[in-house]
Protein backbone atom coordinates (compact mmCIF):
# COMPACT_ATOMS: atom_id res chain seq x y z
CA MET A 1 98.27 193.83 86.02
CA ALA A 2 97.92 191.36 84.27
CA ASN A 3 94.26 190.04 83.86
CA ILE A 4 95.54 186.49 85.02
CA GLU A 5 92.73 184.02 86.00
CA PRO A 6 93.76 182.07 89.55
CA GLU A 7 92.52 178.90 87.87
CA ASP A 8 95.67 179.78 85.83
CA THR A 9 97.80 180.07 88.83
CA ASP A 10 99.54 178.08 91.55
CA THR A 11 97.65 177.29 94.64
CA THR A 12 98.84 176.22 98.47
CA LEU A 13 97.32 172.94 97.69
CA PRO A 14 99.97 171.17 96.70
CA ARG A 15 102.44 172.22 99.83
CA ARG A 16 99.90 171.82 101.85
CA GLN A 17 98.80 168.13 101.36
CA LEU A 18 102.86 167.98 101.16
CA GLY A 19 102.84 169.01 104.61
CA ARG A 20 100.39 167.15 106.04
CA LEU A 21 101.08 163.69 104.50
CA LEU A 22 104.70 164.28 106.30
CA ARG A 23 103.01 165.32 109.71
CA ASP A 24 101.11 162.35 109.96
CA ALA A 25 104.27 160.11 108.95
CA ARG A 26 105.94 161.41 111.68
CA ALA A 27 103.09 161.54 114.23
CA THR A 28 103.07 157.64 113.11
CA THR A 29 107.05 157.55 113.97
CA GLY A 30 106.14 159.11 117.01
CA MET A 31 109.34 161.94 116.53
CA ASN A 32 108.67 165.08 117.40
CA LEU A 33 109.73 168.19 115.51
CA ASP A 34 112.84 168.07 116.93
CA GLN A 35 114.10 164.34 116.66
CA ALA A 36 112.92 164.57 113.08
CA ALA A 37 114.26 167.88 112.21
CA ALA A 38 117.71 166.10 113.77
CA LEU A 39 117.70 163.09 111.45
CA VAL A 40 118.33 164.80 107.77
CA GLN A 41 119.90 168.06 109.89
CA TRP A 42 117.35 170.21 110.10
CA SER A 43 116.31 173.02 112.00
CA ARG A 44 112.94 172.62 113.83
CA PRO A 45 111.55 175.95 112.68
CA THR A 46 112.12 174.58 108.62
CA LEU A 47 110.44 171.35 109.30
CA SER A 48 107.27 173.28 111.39
CA ARG A 49 107.49 175.34 108.05
CA LEU A 50 107.21 172.31 105.92
CA GLU A 51 104.27 170.72 107.44
CA ARG A 52 102.95 173.73 107.88
CA GLY A 53 102.85 174.17 103.78
CA GLU A 54 104.60 177.45 104.13
CA THR A 55 107.47 176.60 102.34
CA GLU A 56 107.28 177.78 99.00
CA LYS A 57 110.77 175.99 97.61
CA VAL A 58 110.76 172.44 97.88
CA ARG A 59 114.21 170.48 97.02
CA VAL A 60 113.12 166.65 96.06
CA THR A 61 116.16 165.05 97.83
CA ASP A 62 115.35 166.99 101.20
CA ILE A 63 111.72 164.94 100.77
CA LEU A 64 112.73 161.57 100.37
CA ALA A 65 115.66 162.34 102.55
CA LEU A 66 112.10 162.77 104.89
CA CYS A 67 110.44 160.13 103.70
CA GLU A 68 113.62 157.48 104.48
CA ALA A 69 113.85 158.81 107.69
CA TYR A 70 109.85 157.76 108.97
CA GLY A 71 110.03 154.26 106.54
CA LEU A 72 106.74 155.29 103.89
CA ASP A 73 106.71 152.60 101.47
CA GLU A 74 107.15 153.11 97.99
CA GLU A 75 103.89 153.78 96.87
CA THR A 76 103.30 157.02 99.82
CA THR A 77 106.25 157.88 98.59
CA VAL A 78 105.94 158.17 94.82
CA VAL A 79 102.77 160.94 95.76
CA ALA A 80 105.56 162.77 98.10
CA LYS A 81 107.70 163.67 95.75
CA GLY A 82 105.02 164.40 92.80
CA LEU A 83 103.43 167.34 95.36
CA ALA A 84 106.88 168.25 96.39
CA THR A 85 107.74 168.99 92.34
CA GLN A 86 104.43 171.29 92.68
CA ALA A 87 105.42 173.60 95.46
CA PRO A 88 107.57 175.79 94.07
CA ALA A 89 105.50 177.16 91.39
CA LYS A 90 105.13 181.04 92.34
CA SER A 91 101.92 182.08 92.92
CA TRP A 92 99.53 186.06 92.07
CA TRP A 93 99.71 186.93 95.29
CA GLN A 94 103.68 187.00 96.02
CA ALA A 95 103.69 190.06 94.06
CA PHE A 96 101.35 191.69 96.89
CA SER A 97 103.80 190.50 99.85
CA ASP A 98 105.05 193.58 101.02
CA LEU A 99 101.06 194.70 101.62
CA ILE A 100 99.33 191.06 102.47
CA PRO A 101 100.58 189.91 106.55
CA ALA A 102 101.26 186.28 106.63
CA TRP A 103 97.49 185.01 108.15
CA ALA A 104 96.25 187.14 105.16
CA ASN A 105 98.64 185.48 102.62
CA LEU A 106 97.47 182.18 103.90
CA PHE A 107 93.68 182.89 103.41
CA VAL A 108 94.23 184.25 100.01
CA GLY A 109 95.83 181.11 99.22
CA LEU A 110 93.32 178.62 100.94
CA GLU A 111 90.31 180.79 99.27
CA SER A 112 92.17 180.34 95.70
CA SER A 113 92.52 176.53 96.24
CA ALA A 114 88.71 176.39 97.41
CA THR A 115 85.84 174.91 95.25
CA SER A 116 82.95 176.17 97.14
CA LEU A 117 82.80 179.01 100.04
CA THR A 118 79.98 179.03 102.90
CA VAL A 119 80.53 182.64 104.40
CA PHE A 120 78.86 184.28 106.96
CA GLN A 121 79.17 188.23 107.24
CA PRO A 122 77.34 190.60 110.22
CA LEU A 123 80.10 193.26 109.55
CA ILE A 124 80.73 194.77 106.05
CA VAL A 125 81.03 193.48 102.79
CA HIS A 126 82.66 190.20 102.13
CA GLY A 127 85.89 190.73 99.57
CA LEU A 128 84.81 188.87 97.07
CA LEU A 129 81.33 190.96 96.83
CA GLN A 130 83.18 194.59 97.14
CA THR A 131 83.42 197.43 95.09
CA ALA A 132 86.59 199.67 94.69
CA ASP A 133 84.98 202.85 96.04
CA TYR A 134 83.91 200.42 98.80
CA ALA A 135 87.19 199.00 99.39
CA ARG A 136 88.80 201.82 98.99
CA ALA A 137 86.47 203.36 101.93
CA LEU A 138 87.16 201.18 104.16
CA ASP A 139 91.14 200.59 103.14
CA ARG A 140 92.08 204.83 103.55
CA LEU A 141 90.82 204.49 107.56
CA TYR A 142 92.60 201.06 108.15
CA PHE A 143 95.80 202.11 106.29
CA PRO A 144 96.10 205.08 107.46
CA ASP A 145 99.49 205.27 106.65
CA ASP A 146 99.29 204.32 102.86
CA THR A 147 100.06 206.38 99.99
CA GLU A 148 97.76 206.55 96.89
CA TYR A 149 99.36 203.85 95.34
CA GLU A 150 99.57 201.52 98.33
CA LEU A 151 96.31 202.02 97.85
CA GLU A 152 95.28 201.04 94.99
CA ARG A 153 97.39 197.81 95.16
CA ARG A 154 94.96 196.88 97.76
CA ILE A 155 92.21 197.06 95.54
CA GLN A 156 94.03 195.47 92.71
CA VAL A 157 94.29 192.36 95.64
CA ARG A 158 90.36 192.38 95.96
CA VAL A 159 89.90 193.10 91.92
CA GLN A 160 92.51 189.37 91.97
CA ARG A 161 90.46 187.56 94.15
CA GLN A 162 86.94 188.33 93.28
CA ARG A 163 87.88 186.24 89.98
CA ILE A 164 87.82 182.90 91.00
CA VAL A 165 83.97 183.51 91.60
CA THR A 166 83.67 185.91 88.05
CA ARG A 167 85.53 183.51 86.08
CA SER A 168 83.98 181.61 82.62
CA ARG A 169 85.39 178.00 83.69
CA LYS A 170 84.90 176.42 86.93
CA PRO A 171 83.69 178.97 89.04
CA THR A 172 83.90 178.81 92.92
CA ARG A 173 80.08 178.76 94.32
CA MET A 174 79.80 180.67 96.98
CA SER A 175 76.81 180.61 99.33
CA ILE A 176 76.56 183.80 102.26
CA ILE A 177 74.60 185.32 104.12
CA LEU A 178 74.65 188.44 104.99
CA HIS A 179 73.23 190.84 107.39
CA GLU A 180 70.65 194.04 106.95
CA ASN A 181 73.46 195.89 109.18
CA VAL A 182 76.42 195.21 106.53
CA LEU A 183 73.75 196.73 103.67
CA ARG A 184 72.72 199.80 105.60
CA THR A 185 75.86 200.78 107.41
CA VAL A 186 77.33 203.92 105.12
CA VAL A 187 80.72 203.11 104.25
CA GLY A 188 82.29 205.89 102.81
CA ASN A 189 78.94 207.68 101.51
CA ASN A 190 75.30 206.55 100.22
CA ARG A 191 76.54 207.05 96.91
CA VAL A 192 78.56 204.31 97.40
CA MET A 193 76.48 202.11 99.46
CA SER A 194 74.03 202.90 96.50
CA ALA A 195 76.03 200.60 94.16
CA GLN A 196 77.93 198.28 96.34
CA CYS A 197 74.15 197.26 97.36
CA ARG A 198 73.47 197.05 93.33
CA HIS A 199 76.69 195.26 92.58
CA ILE A 200 75.70 192.66 95.61
CA ALA A 201 72.41 192.43 93.67
CA ASP A 202 74.07 191.69 90.37
CA MET A 203 76.62 189.41 91.61
CA SER A 204 73.75 186.89 92.99
CA THR A 205 72.02 186.27 90.11
CA ARG A 206 74.78 184.17 89.14
CA ASP A 207 74.49 180.13 89.03
CA ASN A 208 77.68 179.93 91.20
CA ILE A 209 76.33 182.79 93.73
CA ASP A 210 73.89 182.32 96.51
CA ILE A 211 73.20 185.30 98.90
CA ARG A 212 70.86 185.44 101.68
CA VAL A 213 70.08 188.62 103.83
CA MET A 214 69.41 187.55 107.74
CA PRO A 215 67.11 190.69 108.68
CA TYR A 216 67.24 192.10 111.95
CA GLN A 217 63.99 190.17 112.96
CA ALA A 218 66.08 187.76 112.60
CA GLY A 219 66.92 189.19 115.91
CA LEU A 220 70.07 186.12 117.25
CA PRO A 221 68.91 182.94 115.61
CA LEU A 222 71.63 181.03 117.94
CA GLY A 223 71.07 182.79 120.87
CA MET A 224 74.41 185.46 120.82
CA ALA A 225 76.45 187.23 118.70
CA VAL A 226 78.25 185.36 115.92
CA PRO A 227 81.50 186.06 114.57
CA PRO A 228 82.12 186.38 110.68
CA PHE A 229 83.48 183.09 109.31
CA THR A 230 84.15 181.80 106.06
CA ILE A 231 83.90 177.67 105.62
CA MET A 232 86.43 176.84 102.94
CA ASP A 233 85.79 173.38 101.04
CA PHE A 234 88.12 171.99 98.29
CA GLY A 235 86.62 168.81 96.68
CA SER A 236 87.72 165.16 95.70
CA ASP A 237 89.94 163.96 93.39
CA PRO A 238 88.22 162.52 91.12
CA ARG A 239 90.56 159.23 90.91
CA SER A 240 90.92 158.78 94.72
CA LYS A 241 87.00 159.96 95.68
CA GLN A 242 89.19 160.95 98.49
CA LEU A 243 88.96 164.61 99.71
CA VAL A 244 92.20 166.97 98.65
CA GLU A 245 92.54 169.05 101.74
CA PRO A 246 90.58 168.59 104.67
CA ALA A 247 87.41 171.69 104.87
CA GLN A 248 88.91 175.16 106.72
CA VAL A 249 86.97 178.02 108.84
CA TYR A 250 88.22 180.43 108.79
CA CYS A 251 87.58 183.76 111.84
CA GLU A 252 89.14 187.08 111.21
CA GLY A 253 89.10 189.50 113.65
CA TYR A 254 90.35 192.63 113.83
CA ALA A 255 94.00 191.80 115.55
CA GLY A 256 94.31 188.84 113.62
CA SER A 257 92.42 185.31 112.75
CA ALA A 258 92.26 182.00 113.52
CA TYR A 259 92.37 178.70 111.06
CA LEU A 260 89.31 175.56 112.70
CA GLU A 261 90.54 172.10 110.64
CA LYS A 262 88.91 169.44 112.94
CA ARG A 263 86.33 167.74 112.14
CA THR A 264 83.88 168.40 115.13
CA ASP A 265 85.14 172.87 114.60
CA VAL A 266 84.35 172.27 110.97
CA VAL A 267 80.90 170.45 111.87
CA THR A 268 79.57 173.53 114.94
CA PHE A 269 80.15 176.53 112.19
CA ARG A 270 78.45 173.89 109.39
CA GLN A 271 75.37 173.69 111.54
CA ALA A 272 75.54 177.11 112.81
CA PHE A 273 75.58 178.17 109.26
CA ARG A 274 72.03 176.15 108.52
CA ARG A 275 70.00 177.77 111.77
CA LEU A 276 71.27 180.95 109.99
CA GLN A 277 70.38 180.31 106.84
CA GLN A 278 66.52 179.41 108.09
CA ALA A 279 66.54 183.18 109.24
CA SER A 280 67.50 184.59 106.41
CA LEU A 281 65.02 185.07 103.57
CA ASP A 282 65.35 183.46 100.83
CA HIS A 283 67.04 184.59 97.88
CA HIS A 284 64.26 186.14 95.60
CA PRO A 285 63.13 187.81 98.40
CA SER A 286 67.29 189.03 99.73
CA ARG A 287 67.83 190.64 95.74
CA ASP A 288 64.77 192.37 96.19
CA MET A 289 65.74 193.99 99.72
CA ILE A 290 68.88 194.36 98.78
CA ARG A 291 68.08 196.71 95.81
CA GLU A 292 65.39 198.21 98.19
CA ILE A 293 68.33 199.54 100.27
CA ALA A 294 70.16 200.71 97.01
CA ARG A 295 67.29 202.76 96.56
CA ARG A 296 67.22 204.27 99.91
CA HIS A 297 71.07 204.94 99.85
CA GLU A 298 70.38 206.57 95.98
CA SER A 299 67.30 208.46 98.08
CA GLU A 300 69.87 210.07 100.31
CA ARG A 301 72.88 211.14 98.74
């Protein structure tokens, strides 16, 4: 697989920005999807996919037709046209579309676009921190019908994803809380876990990565169990100072995932993360605990 850093590839942001612009414009007119689609002789699903940022190939003529139908001014139309010209580029993860479900494809696109990630993971090691052996042990269980070739391609996806935090130029910032349970639960075997814990400790020395451990003694800081979540921030345009894309919260579960982008939802999860962080060890004691647990796994091999 080619060694391509995600910073040099396309992201989903232009498509999502274009979709948001057109959705807001349609809402301003008071038209629903069916009415707007009829104006430009589209189907409702086609327009809906465009507004969600899921259309890979966008024709500028179609976007100009929508802008005219919505009565957008010249300046906004120029912005929409500019976003449309960025949309067709192919992203690296499309080479794995046969392995990545639609919901995960969207997440990988957003993750690669983010300038910072705020993560709480109480169950398993986050994908951006997983070693190949840890990821392989998980995938053998979750994808029992996969061939060895398919399993290795899944590992390649992990490796490619991880370059956003290890690249030399503008690496993504990540602040992550791992519950102690993540480090002590044996995935694969103790040899795998020892190497995995050492890898996490090493990653925590990077300037762009802050890793905290929530010990068992912290109990339930929020008074209830909190599922794994990731808050994705996308930075702001240096010229306009406006957000490139509103922050998103991603919650993943066994049967699927959810994306939350309402401001109140994002604020709720930010507040939750702060309280969880207050209940966690600081980064140096966290690193010490991670390395101690690595030694414990090593001794139990």
